[in-house]
Amino acid sequence: MADLKAAFESAVANSKNLSERPDNATLLKIYALYKQATVGDVTEKKPGFGDMVGRAKWDAWNGLKGTSSEQAMQQYVDLIASLS
């Protein structure tokens, strides 16, 4: 677990220095995996129709409901590695 946590923290740092900006769908996946790994299942209310970005983020995060923190960390590490 300590190795995974270290790899996750390294991937988070690397995500800020990607050579090119990922597309919006990939950015949502990165966001959702990060939130699932660090917070767990979404508990906040879904944002209203006026907040399109917030709704997209909420939907992406909610799509990972039930994914363990460790699984989300590993998927995050793998995704960032594939983008580097």
Protein backbone atom coordinates (compact mmCIF):
# COMPACT_ATOMS: atom_id res chain seq x y z
CA MET A 1 0.00 0.00 0.00
CA ALA A 2 2.86 2.39 0.82
CA ASP A 3 4.32 1.79 -2.65
CA LEU A 4 0.96 2.52 -4.26
CA LYS A 5 0.55 5.70 -2.19
CA ALA A 6 4.03 6.86 -3.26
CA ALA A 7 3.31 6.04 -6.91
CA PHE A 8 -0.02 7.89 -6.65
CA GLU A 9 1.61 11.00 -5.16
CA SER A 10 4.25 10.90 -7.89
CA ALA A 11 1.54 10.58 -10.56
CA VAL A 12 -0.32 13.56 -9.07
CA ALA A 13 2.88 15.63 -9.36
CA ASN A 14 3.45 14.36 -12.91
CA SER A 15 -0.12 15.21 -13.91
CA LYS A 16 0.70 18.90 -13.46
CA ASN A 17 3.61 18.66 -15.90
CA LEU A 18 2.16 16.77 -18.87
CA SER A 19 3.65 17.81 -22.21
CA GLU A 20 0.22 18.55 -23.67
CA ARG A 21 -3.20 19.18 -22.16
CA PRO A 22 -5.44 16.09 -22.28
CA ASP A 23 -8.89 16.32 -23.85
CA ASN A 24 -11.85 17.14 -21.61
CA ALA A 25 -13.00 13.52 -21.28
CA THR A 26 -9.55 12.51 -20.06
CA LEU A 27 -9.41 15.48 -17.67
CA LEU A 28 -12.75 14.37 -16.20
CA LYS A 29 -11.40 10.83 -15.77
CA ILE A 30 -8.28 12.20 -14.02
CA TYR A 31 -10.46 14.33 -11.73
CA ALA A 32 -12.84 11.49 -10.91
CA LEU A 33 -10.07 8.99 -10.16
CA TYR A 34 -8.29 11.53 -7.94
CA LYS A 35 -11.46 12.30 -5.97
CA GLN A 36 -12.36 8.61 -5.62
CA ALA A 37 -8.83 7.78 -4.44
CA THR A 38 -8.62 10.63 -1.93
CA VAL A 39 -12.24 11.14 -0.77
CA GLY A 40 -14.17 7.97 -1.69
CA ASP A 41 -17.70 7.85 -3.05
CA VAL A 42 -19.33 11.17 -3.87
CA THR A 43 -21.66 12.33 -1.10
CA GLU A 44 -22.44 15.86 -2.25
CA LYS A 45 -25.67 16.75 -3.99
CA LYS A 46 -25.56 16.90 -7.79
CA PRO A 47 -25.02 20.51 -8.97
CA GLY A 48 -27.89 22.30 -10.70
CA PHE A 49 -28.35 22.76 -14.45
CA GLY A 50 -26.63 26.15 -14.38
CA ASP A 51 -23.32 24.54 -13.37
CA MET A 52 -22.43 22.45 -16.41
CA VAL A 53 -18.79 21.89 -15.38
CA GLY A 54 -19.78 20.93 -11.85
CA ARG A 55 -22.37 18.48 -13.18
CA ALA A 56 -19.84 16.89 -15.54
CA LYS A 57 -17.34 16.48 -12.71
CA TRP A 58 -20.02 15.09 -10.38
CA ASP A 59 -21.19 12.61 -13.04
CA ALA A 60 -17.63 11.44 -13.72
CA TRP A 61 -16.91 10.98 -10.01
CA ASN A 62 -20.27 9.32 -9.33
CA GLY A 63 -19.52 6.87 -12.15
CA LEU A 64 -16.75 5.43 -9.99
CA LYS A 65 -19.04 4.78 -7.00
CA GLY A 66 -18.01 1.59 -5.24
CA THR A 67 -14.43 1.66 -6.57
CA SER A 68 -11.97 1.20 -3.71
CA SER A 69 -9.40 3.87 -2.94
CA GLU A 70 -6.60 1.47 -3.92
CA GLN A 71 -8.22 0.62 -7.26
CA ALA A 72 -8.74 4.32 -8.03
CA MET A 73 -5.13 5.11 -7.12
CA GLN A 74 -3.84 2.35 -9.41
CA GLN A 75 -6.06 3.47 -12.29
CA TYR A 76 -4.91 7.07 -11.77
CA VAL A 77 -1.23 6.01 -11.82
CA ASP A 78 -1.79 3.96 -14.99
CA LEU A 79 -3.69 6.79 -16.73
CA ILE A 80 -1.04 9.42 -15.97
CA ALA A 81 1.71 7.02 -17.08
CA SER A 82 -0.10 6.48 -20.39
CA LEU A 83 -0.26 10.27 -20.94
CA SER A 84 3.40 10.94 -20.10
